[in-house]
């Protein structure tokens, strides 16, 4: 893992845990919510949202992002390393 992710309510903290700078291009946040089905039953539904960042994190540097959502269950980090675009998933 290249990043450490912590969620506190609607605040997401991402830290570069490597010894080289990494450019975060985008975050994909997965949220779990309760819905009522047409049969009038409760069900869980996962929705996702994207946040464009284009931000380079130096080694051990962290960034704090505020989200509209408080029930975050996953964060995917799309980042660039040595010219390659990669993805790192964190399930919370």
C-alpha atoms as a PDB file:
ATOM      1  CA  UNK A   1       0.000   0.000   0.000  1.00  0.00           C
ATOM      2  CA  UNK A   2       1.255   3.428  -0.974  1.00  0.00           C
ATOM      3  CA  UNK A   3      -1.325   5.410   1.012  1.00  0.00           C
ATOM      4  CA  UNK A   4      -2.889   5.341   4.439  1.00  0.00           C
ATOM      5  CA  UNK A   5      -6.562   6.378   4.620  1.00  0.00           C
ATOM      6  CA  UNK A   6      -8.524   7.462   7.681  1.00  0.00           C
ATOM      7  CA  UNK A   7     -12.150   8.573   7.772  1.00  0.00           C
ATOM      8  CA  UNK A   8     -13.691  10.588  10.587  1.00  0.00           C
ATOM      9  CA  UNK A   9     -17.294  11.530   9.777  1.00  0.00           C
ATOM     10  CA  UNK A  10     -17.104  13.451   6.509  1.00  0.00           C
ATOM     11  CA  UNK A  11     -13.339  14.088   6.770  1.00  0.00           C
ATOM     12  CA  UNK A  12     -10.993  11.864   4.734  1.00  0.00           C
ATOM     13  CA  UNK A  13      -7.265  11.971   5.533  1.00  0.00           C
ATOM     14  CA  UNK A  14      -4.869  10.444   3.007  1.00  0.00           C
ATOM     15  CA  UNK A  15      -1.151  10.092   3.688  1.00  0.00           C
ATOM     16  CA  UNK A  16       1.626   9.132   1.286  1.00  0.00           C
ATOM     17  CA  UNK A  17       3.500   6.417   3.209  1.00  0.00           C
ATOM     18  CA  UNK A  18       6.231   5.920   0.579  1.00  0.00           C
ATOM     19  CA  UNK A  19       9.610   7.596   0.271  1.00  0.00           C
ATOM     20  CA  UNK A  20       8.804   9.254  -3.080  1.00  0.00           C
ATOM     21  CA  UNK A  21       6.258  11.844  -4.255  1.00  0.00           C
ATOM     22  CA  UNK A  22       2.997  10.508  -5.706  1.00  0.00           C
ATOM     23  CA  UNK A  23       0.434  12.464  -7.707  1.00  0.00           C
ATOM     24  CA  UNK A  24      -3.195  11.805  -6.719  1.00  0.00           C
ATOM     25  CA  UNK A  25      -5.385  12.361  -9.742  1.00  0.00           C
ATOM     26  CA  UNK A  26      -8.787  11.426  -8.351  1.00  0.00           C
ATOM     27  CA  UNK A  27     -10.636   9.933  -5.381  1.00  0.00           C
ATOM     28  CA  UNK A  28     -13.632   7.645  -5.676  1.00  0.00           C
ATOM     29  CA  UNK A  29     -15.684   7.529  -2.514  1.00  0.00           C
ATOM     30  CA  UNK A  30     -18.128   4.684  -1.874  1.00  0.00           C
ATOM     31  CA  UNK A  31     -21.033   5.385   0.460  1.00  0.00           C
ATOM     32  CA  UNK A  32     -23.595   2.985   1.913  1.00  0.00           C
ATOM     33  CA  UNK A  33     -27.139   4.200   2.371  1.00  0.00           C
ATOM     34  CA  UNK A  34     -30.485   2.674   3.317  1.00  0.00           C
ATOM     35  CA  UNK A  35     -33.315   2.765   0.798  1.00  0.00           C
ATOM     36  CA  UNK A  36     -36.904   1.597   0.718  1.00  0.00           C
ATOM     37  CA  UNK A  37     -37.612  -0.836  -2.112  1.00  0.00           C
ATOM     38  CA  UNK A  38     -40.819  -0.821  -4.198  1.00  0.00           C
ATOM     39  CA  UNK A  39     -41.960  -3.720  -1.967  1.00  0.00           C
ATOM     40  CA  UNK A  40     -41.564  -1.325   1.005  1.00  0.00           C
ATOM     41  CA  UNK A  41     -38.601  -3.165   2.495  1.00  0.00           C
ATOM     42  CA  UNK A  42     -35.362  -1.644   3.699  1.00  0.00           C
ATOM     43  CA  UNK A  43     -32.225  -2.414   1.705  1.00  0.00           C
ATOM     44  CA  UNK A  44     -28.627  -1.229   1.622  1.00  0.00           C
ATOM     45  CA  UNK A  45     -27.370   0.477  -1.511  1.00  0.00           C
ATOM     46  CA  UNK A  46     -23.849   1.548  -2.348  1.00  0.00           C
ATOM     47  CA  UNK A  47     -23.288   4.711  -4.337  1.00  0.00           C
ATOM     48  CA  UNK A  48     -20.052   6.342  -5.379  1.00  0.00           C
ATOM     49  CA  UNK A  49     -18.807   9.847  -6.017  1.00  0.00           C
ATOM     50  CA  UNK A  50     -15.647  11.138  -7.691  1.00  0.00           C
ATOM     51  CA  UNK A  51     -13.435  14.007  -6.567  1.00  0.00           C
ATOM     52  CA  UNK A  52     -10.790  15.306  -8.992  1.00  0.00           C
ATOM     53  CA  UNK A  53      -7.620  16.380  -7.160  1.00  0.00           C
ATOM     54  CA  UNK A  54      -4.479  16.546  -9.352  1.00  0.00           C
ATOM     55  CA  UNK A  55      -2.355  16.983  -6.218  1.00  0.00           C
ATOM     56  CA  UNK A  56       1.175  15.701  -5.592  1.00  0.00           C
ATOM     57  CA  UNK A  57       1.893  14.439  -2.089  1.00  0.00           C
ATOM     58  CA  UNK A  58       5.495  14.465  -0.924  1.00  0.00           C
ATOM     59  CA  UNK A  59       6.777  11.510   1.146  1.00  0.00           C
ATOM     60  CA  UNK A  60       4.922  11.275   4.480  1.00  0.00           C
ATOM     61  CA  UNK A  61       2.740  14.271   3.533  1.00  0.00           C
ATOM     62  CA  UNK A  62      -1.018  14.047   4.065  1.00  0.00           C
ATOM     63  CA  UNK A  63      -4.082  15.769   2.684  1.00  0.00           C
ATOM     64  CA  UNK A  64      -7.486  16.280   4.264  1.00  0.00           C
ATOM     65  CA  UNK A  65     -10.623  16.253   2.103  1.00  0.00           C
ATOM     66  CA  UNK A  66     -14.143  17.053   3.207  1.00  0.00           C
ATOM     67  CA  UNK A  67     -16.999  15.063   1.689  1.00  0.00           C
ATOM     68  CA  UNK A  68     -20.741  15.635   1.620  1.00  0.00           C
ATOM     69  CA  UNK A  69     -21.186  12.115   3.005  1.00  0.00           C
ATOM     70  CA  UNK A  70     -20.663  10.745   6.497  1.00  0.00           C
ATOM     71  CA  UNK A  71     -21.287   7.034   5.866  1.00  0.00           C
ATOM     72  CA  UNK A  72     -18.160   6.337   3.779  1.00  0.00           C
ATOM     73  CA  UNK A  73     -17.333   2.629   3.391  1.00  0.00           C
ATOM     74  CA  UNK A  74     -14.584   2.776   0.773  1.00  0.00           C
ATOM     75  CA  UNK A  75     -12.030   5.089  -0.827  1.00  0.00           C
ATOM     76  CA  UNK A  76     -10.244   4.386  -4.120  1.00  0.00           C
ATOM     77  CA  UNK A  77      -7.208   6.496  -4.925  1.00  0.00           C
ATOM     78  CA  UNK A  78      -6.300   6.974  -8.582  1.00  0.00           C
ATOM     79  CA  UNK A  79      -2.678   8.092  -8.681  1.00  0.00           C
ATOM     80  CA  UNK A  80       0.289   8.432 -11.009  1.00  0.00           C
ATOM     81  CA  UNK A  81       3.665   6.842 -10.373  1.00  0.00           C
ATOM     82  CA  UNK A  82       6.529   6.882 -12.890  1.00  0.00           C
ATOM     83  CA  UNK A  83       4.175   7.768 -15.732  1.00  0.00           C
ATOM     84  CA  UNK A  84       1.703   4.955 -14.952  1.00  0.00           C
ATOM     85  CA  UNK A  85      -1.835   5.558 -13.701  1.00  0.00           C
ATOM     86  CA  UNK A  86      -2.647   3.148 -10.872  1.00  0.00           C
ATOM     87  CA  UNK A  87      -5.496   2.533  -8.438  1.00  0.00           C
ATOM     88  CA  UNK A  88      -5.410   1.644  -4.755  1.00  0.00           C
ATOM     89  CA  UNK A  89      -8.627   0.573  -2.986  1.00  0.00           C
ATOM     90  CA  UNK A  90      -9.286   0.953   0.734  1.00  0.00           C
ATOM     91  CA  UNK A  91     -12.351  -0.697   2.257  1.00  0.00           C
ATOM     92  CA  UNK A  92     -13.244   0.776   5.617  1.00  0.00           C
END
